């Protein structure tokens, strides 16, 4: 199950995200993409960074600090044949996305 926390993307960070990537649209709010967790650090995917193997994320802590971070993609794939890759970033906490999404589901929301 995915974390239930959402965060509005501040206008200045949305503009900065558009400038840092080829994306023409940045969502106004993002959901934490980690599996359900007790910690206050959350990560919402904004867009692929444009550089191979990285993505632009919104990181926030509870209701406080929020920032843009570029993180490398998680290299782990599911163990079954034609296994789906994890849709998170390298060294993330908790489980990989294919452990809490049905087999064959995509990384997009």
N, C-alpha and C. Protein backbone atom coordinates (compact mmCIF):
# COMPACT_ATOMS: atom_id res chain seq x y z
N UNK A 1 0.84 -1.17 0.00
CA UNK A 1 0.00 0.00 0.00
C UNK A 1 0.89 1.25 0.00
N UNK A 2 0.52 2.24 -0.80
CA UNK A 2 1.30 3.46 -0.91
C UNK A 2 0.96 4.42 0.23
N UNK A 3 1.93 5.25 0.60
CA UNK A 3 1.74 6.29 1.61
C UNK A 3 0.57 7.19 1.18
N UNK A 4 -0.23 7.62 2.13
CA UNK A 4 -1.42 8.41 1.84
C UNK A 4 -1.18 9.92 1.88
N UNK A 5 0.05 10.36 2.14
CA UNK A 5 0.33 11.79 2.27
C UNK A 5 0.48 12.47 0.91
N UNK A 6 -0.15 13.64 0.80
CA UNK A 6 -0.09 14.48 -0.39
C UNK A 6 0.52 15.83 -0.01
N UNK A 7 1.06 16.53 -1.01
CA UNK A 7 1.60 17.88 -0.78
C UNK A 7 1.37 18.73 -2.01
N UNK A 8 0.88 19.95 -1.79
CA UNK A 8 0.77 20.91 -2.88
C UNK A 8 2.18 21.34 -3.28
N UNK A 9 2.41 21.52 -4.57
CA UNK A 9 3.70 21.96 -5.06
C UNK A 9 3.70 23.49 -5.06
N UNK A 10 4.56 24.12 -4.27
CA UNK A 10 4.61 25.58 -4.25
C UNK A 10 4.89 26.13 -5.66
N UNK A 11 4.29 27.27 -5.99
CA UNK A 11 4.43 27.84 -7.33
C UNK A 11 5.89 28.06 -7.73
N UNK A 12 6.71 28.55 -6.81
CA UNK A 12 8.11 28.80 -7.15
C UNK A 12 8.85 27.49 -7.45
N UNK A 13 8.52 26.42 -6.75
CA UNK A 13 9.16 25.13 -7.01
C UNK A 13 8.63 24.50 -8.30
N UNK A 14 7.35 24.71 -8.61
CA UNK A 14 6.80 24.22 -9.87
C UNK A 14 7.50 24.90 -11.05
N UNK A 15 7.72 26.21 -10.93
CA UNK A 15 8.43 26.95 -11.98
C UNK A 15 9.87 26.45 -12.11
N UNK A 16 10.54 26.27 -10.99
CA UNK A 16 11.91 25.76 -11.00
C UNK A 16 11.97 24.36 -11.62
N UNK A 17 10.99 23.52 -11.32
CA UNK A 17 10.94 22.16 -11.88
C UNK A 17 10.79 22.22 -13.40
N UNK A 18 9.95 23.13 -13.91
CA UNK A 18 9.79 23.28 -15.36
C UNK A 18 11.10 23.74 -16.00
N UNK A 19 11.82 24.60 -15.33
CA UNK A 19 13.10 25.10 -15.85
C UNK A 19 14.18 24.02 -15.84
N UNK A 20 14.12 23.11 -14.89
CA UNK A 20 15.14 22.06 -14.75
C UNK A 20 14.86 20.84 -15.63
N UNK A 21 13.69 20.75 -16.22
CA UNK A 21 13.35 19.56 -16.99
C UNK A 21 12.71 19.98 -18.31
N UNK A 22 12.47 19.00 -19.14
CA UNK A 22 11.80 19.26 -20.42
C UNK A 22 10.28 19.25 -20.26
N UNK A 23 9.81 19.00 -19.06
CA UNK A 23 8.36 18.91 -18.82
C UNK A 23 7.70 20.28 -19.00
N UNK A 24 6.58 20.29 -19.67
CA UNK A 24 5.82 21.53 -19.82
C UNK A 24 4.74 21.64 -18.76
N UNK A 25 4.44 20.53 -18.10
CA UNK A 25 3.40 20.51 -17.07
C UNK A 25 3.93 19.84 -15.81
N UNK A 26 3.73 20.50 -14.70
CA UNK A 26 4.06 19.93 -13.39
C UNK A 26 2.77 19.90 -12.59
N UNK A 27 2.43 18.76 -12.02
CA UNK A 27 1.21 18.66 -11.21
C UNK A 27 1.24 19.65 -10.06
N UNK A 28 0.09 20.14 -9.67
CA UNK A 28 -0.03 21.11 -8.57
C UNK A 28 0.05 20.44 -7.21
N UNK A 29 -0.16 19.13 -7.16
CA UNK A 29 -0.04 18.38 -5.92
C UNK A 29 0.49 16.99 -6.25
N UNK A 30 1.26 16.42 -5.33
CA UNK A 30 1.82 15.08 -5.54
C UNK A 30 1.59 14.22 -4.30
N UNK A 31 1.46 12.92 -4.54
CA UNK A 31 1.33 11.96 -3.46
C UNK A 31 2.69 11.34 -3.19
N UNK A 32 2.99 11.07 -1.93
CA UNK A 32 4.22 10.37 -1.59
C UNK A 32 4.21 9.01 -2.28
N UNK A 33 5.29 8.69 -2.97
CA UNK A 33 5.37 7.45 -3.73
C UNK A 33 5.93 6.28 -2.93
N UNK A 34 6.37 6.53 -1.71
CA UNK A 34 6.88 5.43 -0.88
C UNK A 34 5.73 4.55 -0.42
N UNK A 35 6.05 3.34 -0.03
CA UNK A 35 5.02 2.50 0.59
C UNK A 35 4.66 3.13 1.93
N UNK A 36 3.52 2.74 2.48
CA UNK A 36 3.06 3.31 3.75
C UNK A 36 4.19 3.25 4.77
N UNK A 37 4.40 4.36 5.47
CA UNK A 37 5.51 4.43 6.42
C UNK A 37 5.15 5.38 7.56
N UNK A 38 5.91 5.27 8.65
CA UNK A 38 5.65 6.08 9.84
C UNK A 38 6.47 7.37 9.86
N UNK A 39 7.49 7.45 9.03
CA UNK A 39 8.37 8.62 9.04
C UNK A 39 7.70 9.87 8.50
N UNK A 40 8.34 11.02 8.74
CA UNK A 40 7.76 12.28 8.26
C UNK A 40 8.39 12.75 6.96
N UNK A 41 9.36 12.01 6.41
CA UNK A 41 9.99 12.39 5.14
C UNK A 41 9.22 11.72 4.00
N UNK A 42 8.77 12.54 3.04
CA UNK A 42 7.95 12.05 1.93
C UNK A 42 8.56 12.49 0.60
N UNK A 43 8.26 11.70 -0.47
CA UNK A 43 8.79 11.97 -1.80
C UNK A 43 7.69 11.83 -2.84
N UNK A 44 7.43 12.90 -3.58
CA UNK A 44 6.46 12.88 -4.67
C UNK A 44 7.17 13.07 -5.99
N UNK A 45 6.89 12.22 -6.97
CA UNK A 45 7.54 12.30 -8.27
C UNK A 45 6.97 13.47 -9.07
N UNK A 46 7.86 14.34 -9.57
CA UNK A 46 7.44 15.45 -10.41
C UNK A 46 7.60 15.11 -11.89
N UNK A 47 8.80 14.68 -12.28
CA UNK A 47 9.06 14.36 -13.68
C UNK A 47 10.42 13.68 -13.83
N UNK A 48 10.61 13.01 -14.95
CA UNK A 48 11.95 12.54 -15.28
C UNK A 48 12.82 13.77 -15.42
N UNK A 49 14.05 13.69 -14.97
CA UNK A 49 14.93 14.85 -14.98
C UNK A 49 15.43 15.18 -16.37
N UNK A 50 15.37 14.26 -17.29
CA UNK A 50 15.92 14.47 -18.62
C UNK A 50 17.25 13.75 -18.77
N UNK A 51 18.00 13.63 -17.68
CA UNK A 51 19.23 12.86 -17.69
C UNK A 51 18.85 11.39 -17.51
N UNK A 52 19.48 10.52 -18.27
CA UNK A 52 19.15 9.10 -18.18
C UNK A 52 19.33 8.60 -16.76
N UNK A 53 18.31 7.92 -16.25
CA UNK A 53 18.41 7.26 -14.96
C UNK A 53 18.20 8.15 -13.76
N UNK A 54 17.63 9.35 -13.95
CA UNK A 54 17.34 10.21 -12.82
C UNK A 54 15.93 10.79 -12.95
N UNK A 55 15.41 11.28 -11.84
CA UNK A 55 14.09 11.91 -11.85
C UNK A 55 14.10 13.08 -10.86
N UNK A 56 13.17 13.99 -11.07
CA UNK A 56 13.01 15.16 -10.21
C UNK A 56 11.88 14.87 -9.22
N UNK A 57 12.19 14.99 -7.94
CA UNK A 57 11.25 14.67 -6.87
C UNK A 57 11.00 15.88 -5.99
N UNK A 58 9.83 15.94 -5.40
CA UNK A 58 9.52 16.91 -4.35
C UNK A 58 9.68 16.16 -3.04
N UNK A 59 10.56 16.66 -2.18
CA UNK A 59 10.77 16.03 -0.86
C UNK A 59 10.23 16.99 0.19
N UNK A 60 9.44 16.44 1.13
CA UNK A 60 8.93 17.27 2.21
C UNK A 60 8.94 16.52 3.52
N UNK A 61 8.92 17.29 4.59
CA UNK A 61 8.97 16.77 5.95
C UNK A 61 7.72 17.23 6.68
N UNK A 62 6.78 16.32 6.90
CA UNK A 62 5.53 16.68 7.58
C UNK A 62 4.86 17.84 6.88
N UNK A 63 4.58 18.90 7.61
CA UNK A 63 3.97 20.09 7.01
C UNK A 63 4.99 21.21 6.85
N UNK A 64 6.26 20.91 7.09
CA UNK A 64 7.31 21.93 7.06
C UNK A 64 8.06 22.01 5.74
N UNK A 65 9.37 21.88 5.83
CA UNK A 65 10.30 22.09 4.73
C UNK A 65 9.95 21.28 3.49
N UNK A 66 10.07 21.93 2.33
CA UNK A 66 9.82 21.27 1.05
C UNK A 66 10.92 21.70 0.08
N UNK A 67 11.40 20.77 -0.76
CA UNK A 67 12.48 21.08 -1.69
C UNK A 67 12.44 20.16 -2.91
N UNK A 68 13.09 20.61 -3.98
CA UNK A 68 13.27 19.77 -5.17
C UNK A 68 14.57 19.01 -5.02
N UNK A 69 14.56 17.74 -5.40
CA UNK A 69 15.78 16.93 -5.38
C UNK A 69 15.82 16.08 -6.65
N UNK A 70 17.01 15.96 -7.22
CA UNK A 70 17.23 15.06 -8.36
C UNK A 70 17.86 13.80 -7.79
N UNK A 71 17.19 12.67 -8.02
CA UNK A 71 17.66 11.40 -7.46
C UNK A 71 17.81 10.36 -8.55
N UNK A 72 18.81 9.49 -8.43
CA UNK A 72 18.97 8.40 -9.40
C UNK A 72 17.85 7.37 -9.24
N UNK A 73 17.45 6.76 -10.34
CA UNK A 73 16.40 5.74 -10.32
C UNK A 73 16.86 4.50 -9.57
N UNK A 74 15.92 3.83 -8.92
CA UNK A 74 16.20 2.56 -8.26
C UNK A 74 16.50 1.52 -9.34
N UNK A 75 17.60 0.79 -9.23
CA UNK A 75 17.98 -0.17 -10.26
C UNK A 75 17.33 -1.56 -10.11
N UNK A 76 16.55 -1.78 -9.07
CA UNK A 76 16.02 -3.11 -8.75
C UNK A 76 14.79 -3.43 -9.61
N UNK A 77 14.75 -4.65 -10.13
CA UNK A 77 13.60 -5.12 -10.90
C UNK A 77 12.96 -6.31 -10.18
N UNK A 78 11.70 -6.53 -10.47
CA UNK A 78 10.97 -7.66 -9.87
C UNK A 78 11.64 -8.97 -10.28
N UNK A 79 11.58 -9.98 -9.41
CA UNK A 79 12.28 -11.23 -9.66
C UNK A 79 11.62 -12.15 -10.67
N UNK A 80 10.40 -11.89 -11.10
CA UNK A 80 9.75 -12.78 -12.05
C UNK A 80 10.17 -12.43 -13.48
N UNK A 81 9.97 -13.37 -14.43
CA UNK A 81 10.34 -13.09 -15.83
C UNK A 81 9.68 -11.81 -16.32
N UNK A 82 10.41 -11.04 -17.08
CA UNK A 82 9.94 -9.74 -17.58
C UNK A 82 9.54 -8.83 -16.42
N UNK A 83 10.28 -8.92 -15.33
CA UNK A 83 9.95 -8.16 -14.12
C UNK A 83 9.96 -6.67 -14.33
N UNK A 84 9.00 -6.00 -13.72
CA UNK A 84 8.88 -4.55 -13.78
C UNK A 84 9.96 -3.92 -12.92
N UNK A 85 10.48 -2.79 -13.35
CA UNK A 85 11.45 -2.07 -12.55
C UNK A 85 10.77 -1.29 -11.44
N UNK A 86 11.50 -1.03 -10.39
CA UNK A 86 10.98 -0.21 -9.29
C UNK A 86 10.87 1.22 -9.79
N UNK A 87 9.80 1.91 -9.44
CA UNK A 87 9.54 3.27 -9.91
C UNK A 87 10.03 4.35 -8.94
N UNK A 88 10.80 3.94 -7.93
CA UNK A 88 11.30 4.89 -6.95
C UNK A 88 12.75 5.26 -7.25
N UNK A 89 13.42 5.85 -6.30
CA UNK A 89 14.80 6.29 -6.42
C UNK A 89 15.72 5.30 -5.71
N UNK A 90 17.00 5.34 -6.06
CA UNK A 90 17.99 4.43 -5.47
C UNK A 90 18.04 4.61 -3.96
N UNK A 91 18.21 3.51 -3.26
CA UNK A 91 18.37 3.48 -1.80
C UNK A 91 17.16 4.00 -1.03
N UNK A 92 15.95 3.90 -1.63
CA UNK A 92 14.75 4.32 -0.91
C UNK A 92 14.47 3.38 0.25
N UNK A 93 13.71 3.88 1.22
CA UNK A 93 13.31 3.07 2.38
C UNK A 93 12.13 2.19 1.99
N UNK A 94 11.92 1.17 2.76
CA UNK A 94 10.76 0.26 2.61
C UNK A 94 10.84 -0.56 1.33
N UNK A 95 9.69 -0.97 0.84
CA UNK A 95 9.64 -1.92 -0.28
C UNK A 95 9.61 -1.23 -1.65
N UNK A 96 9.92 -2.03 -2.67
CA UNK A 96 9.89 -1.55 -4.05
C UNK A 96 8.44 -1.44 -4.53
N UNK A 97 8.22 -0.60 -5.54
CA UNK A 97 6.85 -0.36 -6.00
C UNK A 97 6.17 -1.61 -6.52
N UNK A 98 6.89 -2.53 -7.12
CA UNK A 98 6.25 -3.73 -7.63
C UNK A 98 5.81 -4.67 -6.52
N UNK A 99 6.19 -4.39 -5.29
CA UNK A 99 5.73 -5.20 -4.15
C UNK A 99 4.36 -4.74 -3.65
N UNK A 100 3.95 -3.50 -3.97
CA UNK A 100 2.65 -3.03 -3.52
C UNK A 100 1.74 -2.58 -4.64
N UNK A 101 2.09 -2.93 -5.88
CA UNK A 101 1.19 -2.72 -7.01
C UNK A 101 0.97 -4.06 -7.69
N UNK A 102 -0.17 -4.28 -8.30
CA UNK A 102 -0.42 -5.53 -9.00
C UNK A 102 0.60 -5.74 -10.12
N UNK A 103 0.97 -6.98 -10.36
CA UNK A 103 1.89 -7.29 -11.44
C UNK A 103 1.35 -6.71 -12.74
N UNK A 104 2.22 -6.04 -13.47
CA UNK A 104 1.80 -5.45 -14.73
C UNK A 104 1.35 -4.01 -14.63
N UNK A 105 1.21 -3.48 -13.40
CA UNK A 105 0.80 -2.08 -13.26
C UNK A 105 1.96 -1.18 -13.64
N UNK A 106 1.66 0.00 -14.12
CA UNK A 106 2.72 0.90 -14.55
C UNK A 106 3.09 1.86 -13.42
N UNK A 107 4.15 2.62 -13.62
CA UNK A 107 4.64 3.56 -12.62
C UNK A 107 3.86 4.86 -12.60
N UNK A 108 3.03 5.12 -13.57
CA UNK A 108 2.32 6.39 -13.63
C UNK A 108 1.10 6.36 -12.75
N UNK A 109 0.69 7.54 -12.31
CA UNK A 109 -0.49 7.66 -11.46
C UNK A 109 -1.70 7.83 -12.31
